[in-house]
Amino acid sequence: MTTKPPSSVRAAEESALEKIAYACAAEIPTAEPHDNDRLGYNLWRYLSLRRDSLEFAVRSAGAHLRISEEEAIERIRQALRGRGVSV
């Protein structure tokens, strides 16, 4: 039996929307780690599609936040602006 080496993975650039979305979500305190993943995914959808508002993206994530929703939205907005993304 032979085994093959794993496929190489190329990391996304720092300016990629995925990196920005998940980095912003990681800054928000949540009850569980998967809450940050869901929040990051919804932020990525918001950034890539721009159909709904940032508030809707945070609400639709259904994350159990340890801070108020308004404070989370404001922190995300500031983090996006700090990374050069217009909100």
C-alpha atoms as a PDB file:
ATOM      1  CA  MET A   1       0.000   0.000   0.000  1.00  0.00           C
ATOM      2  CA  THR A   2       1.355   3.410  -0.921  1.00  0.00           C
ATOM      3  CA  THR A   3       0.372   6.753   0.432  1.00  0.00           C
ATOM      4  CA  LYS A   4       0.536   9.980  -1.426  1.00  0.00           C
ATOM      5  CA  PRO A   5       1.650  13.227   0.140  1.00  0.00           C
ATOM      6  CA  PRO A   6      -1.140  15.674   0.894  1.00  0.00           C
ATOM      7  CA  SER A   7      -2.016  18.256  -1.693  1.00  0.00           C
ATOM      8  CA  SER A   8      -0.309  21.574  -1.267  1.00  0.00           C
ATOM      9  CA  VAL A   9      -2.491  24.425  -0.120  1.00  0.00           C
ATOM     10  CA  ARG A  10      -1.862  27.978  -1.176  1.00  0.00           C
ATOM     11  CA  ALA A  11      -2.797  30.472   1.503  1.00  0.00           C
ATOM     12  CA  ALA A  12      -5.088  33.313   0.480  1.00  0.00           C
ATOM     13  CA  GLU A  13      -3.620  36.779   0.154  1.00  0.00           C
ATOM     14  CA  GLU A  14      -4.126  39.172   3.051  1.00  0.00           C
ATOM     15  CA  SER A  15      -6.254  41.406   0.807  1.00  0.00           C
ATOM     16  CA  ALA A  16      -8.661  38.579  -0.104  1.00  0.00           C
ATOM     17  CA  LEU A  17     -12.238  39.096   1.026  1.00  0.00           C
ATOM     18  CA  GLU A  18     -12.258  35.717   2.781  1.00  0.00           C
ATOM     19  CA  LYS A  19      -9.258  36.633   4.926  1.00  0.00           C
ATOM     20  CA  ILE A  20     -10.716  40.029   5.767  1.00  0.00           C
ATOM     21  CA  ALA A  21     -14.139  38.624   6.688  1.00  0.00           C
ATOM     22  CA  TYR A  22     -12.838  35.830   8.903  1.00  0.00           C
ATOM     23  CA  ALA A  23     -10.252  38.112  10.551  1.00  0.00           C
ATOM     24  CA  CYS A  24     -12.974  40.613  11.452  1.00  0.00           C
ATOM     25  CA  ALA A  25     -15.185  37.827  12.806  1.00  0.00           C
ATOM     26  CA  ALA A  26     -12.329  36.476  14.920  1.00  0.00           C
ATOM     27  CA  GLU A  27     -12.179  39.787  16.797  1.00  0.00           C
ATOM     28  CA  ILE A  28     -15.756  39.389  18.062  1.00  0.00           C
ATOM     29  CA  PRO A  29     -16.162  37.485  21.347  1.00  0.00           C
ATOM     30  CA  THR A  30     -18.601  34.592  20.903  1.00  0.00           C
ATOM     31  CA  ALA A  31     -19.793  31.710  23.063  1.00  0.00           C
ATOM     32  CA  GLU A  32     -18.436  28.993  20.750  1.00  0.00           C
ATOM     33  CA  PRO A  33     -15.674  28.888  18.102  1.00  0.00           C
ATOM     34  CA  HIS A  34     -18.133  27.834  15.412  1.00  0.00           C
ATOM     35  CA  ASP A  35     -20.048  31.057  16.006  1.00  0.00           C
ATOM     36  CA  ASN A  36     -17.013  32.937  14.673  1.00  0.00           C
ATOM     37  CA  ASP A  37     -16.984  30.680  11.619  1.00  0.00           C
ATOM     38  CA  ARG A  38     -20.655  31.361  10.885  1.00  0.00           C
ATOM     39  CA  LEU A  39     -20.130  35.070  11.428  1.00  0.00           C
ATOM     40  CA  GLY A  40     -17.097  35.040   9.131  1.00  0.00           C
ATOM     41  CA  TYR A  41     -19.031  33.249   6.406  1.00  0.00           C
ATOM     42  CA  ASN A  42     -21.905  35.740   6.594  1.00  0.00           C
ATOM     43  CA  LEU A  43     -19.462  38.656   6.530  1.00  0.00           C
ATOM     44  CA  TRP A  44     -17.791  37.157   3.450  1.00  0.00           C
ATOM     45  CA  ARG A  45     -21.185  36.874   1.752  1.00  0.00           C
ATOM     46  CA  TYR A  46     -21.944  40.479   2.675  1.00  0.00           C
ATOM     47  CA  LEU A  47     -18.620  41.676   1.261  1.00  0.00           C
ATOM     48  CA  SER A  48     -18.824  39.667  -1.935  1.00  0.00           C
ATOM     49  CA  LEU A  49     -22.501  40.138  -2.810  1.00  0.00           C
ATOM     50  CA  ARG A  50     -23.416  43.490  -1.190  1.00  0.00           C
ATOM     51  CA  ARG A  51     -27.113  42.640  -1.341  1.00  0.00           C
ATOM     52  CA  ASP A  52     -28.092  43.221   2.263  1.00  0.00           C
ATOM     53  CA  SER A  53     -26.829  45.371   5.083  1.00  0.00           C
ATOM     54  CA  LEU A  54     -24.039  44.576   7.529  1.00  0.00           C
ATOM     55  CA  GLU A  55     -26.654  44.412  10.273  1.00  0.00           C
ATOM     56  CA  PHE A  56     -28.536  41.723   8.355  1.00  0.00           C
ATOM     57  CA  ALA A  57     -25.329  39.725   7.856  1.00  0.00           C
ATOM     58  CA  VAL A  58     -24.588  39.740  11.586  1.00  0.00           C
ATOM     59  CA  ARG A  59     -28.169  38.801  12.488  1.00  0.00           C
ATOM     60  CA  SER A  60     -28.393  36.024   9.918  1.00  0.00           C
ATOM     61  CA  ALA A  61     -25.195  34.428  11.261  1.00  0.00           C
ATOM     62  CA  GLY A  62     -27.105  33.458  14.403  1.00  0.00           C
ATOM     63  CA  ALA A  63     -23.920  33.678  16.450  1.00  0.00           C
ATOM     64  CA  HIS A  64     -24.144  33.688  20.232  1.00  0.00           C
ATOM     65  CA  LEU A  65     -22.353  36.954  20.893  1.00  0.00           C
ATOM     66  CA  ARG A  66     -20.848  37.842  24.273  1.00  0.00           C
ATOM     67  CA  ILE A  67     -21.370  41.530  23.499  1.00  0.00           C
ATOM     68  CA  SER A  68     -24.398  43.379  22.234  1.00  0.00           C
ATOM     69  CA  GLU A  69     -25.268  43.089  18.569  1.00  0.00           C
ATOM     70  CA  GLU A  70     -24.859  46.843  18.114  1.00  0.00           C
ATOM     71  CA  GLU A  71     -21.369  46.771  19.606  1.00  0.00           C
ATOM     72  CA  ALA A  72     -20.409  43.795  17.421  1.00  0.00           C
ATOM     73  CA  ILE A  73     -21.612  45.621  14.299  1.00  0.00           C
ATOM     74  CA  GLU A  74     -19.650  48.714  15.253  1.00  0.00           C
ATOM     75  CA  ARG A  75     -16.484  46.681  15.936  1.00  0.00           C
ATOM     76  CA  ILE A  76     -16.840  44.884  12.605  1.00  0.00           C
ATOM     77  CA  ARG A  77     -17.417  48.180  10.813  1.00  0.00           C
ATOM     78  CA  GLN A  78     -14.253  49.647  12.389  1.00  0.00           C
ATOM     79  CA  ALA A  79     -12.237  46.500  11.588  1.00  0.00           C
ATOM     80  CA  LEU A  80     -13.375  46.612   7.952  1.00  0.00           C
ATOM     81  CA  ARG A  81     -12.476  50.274   7.642  1.00  0.00           C
ATOM     82  CA  GLY A  82      -9.088  49.555   9.214  1.00  0.00           C
ATOM     83  CA  ARG A  83      -8.464  47.001   6.477  1.00  0.00           C
ATOM     84  CA  GLY A  84      -9.451  49.460   3.754  1.00  0.00           C
ATOM     85  CA  VAL A  85     -12.936  48.091   2.998  1.00  0.00           C
ATOM     86  CA  SER A  86     -15.699  50.635   2.575  1.00  0.00           C
ATOM     87  CA  VAL A  87     -18.844  49.856   4.518  1.00  0.00           C
END
